[in-house]
C-alpha cells in the first residue's frame, strides 16, 4: 500500500441526538469533538440526527424530526425569493402580450 493516501480509520463514537443513544464503531469520518467513552478512553464524537435507535422503520413509532433550520440555511445560501419580487416582471410581460393581441385585433 502507498503511504499517506488512505484516510485515518479509527474507533469513533456516534451520538444519535434525537434518541440520546450513542454507539462506537470504526470510521474514517473527520470530527473535532471528543467524548469519554464507557471504557475510560477518549474517542472522536460524531453527532447524527437519525440512527437505527430513532428511525421509524426500526422503532415502529412515528417521531417528528426537527427540520426547522433547513429553510433558513437554504435562504442564507441562495437568498430569499418571494413571489412578490417576481410578480412585477410577470405582470409587465402579461400586459405587453395583451396589448399586442389587442392591437392585432384592431387592425383586422
Foldseek 3Di string as FASTA:
>chain_A
DDPPPDADWDKEWEAAVVQRDIDIDIDRDDADDWDQDPVRDIHHYDYDPDDLRRDCVNPVDDDDGDPVCVVVVVCVVPNDDDPVVCVVVVVVVVVVVVVVVVVVVVVD
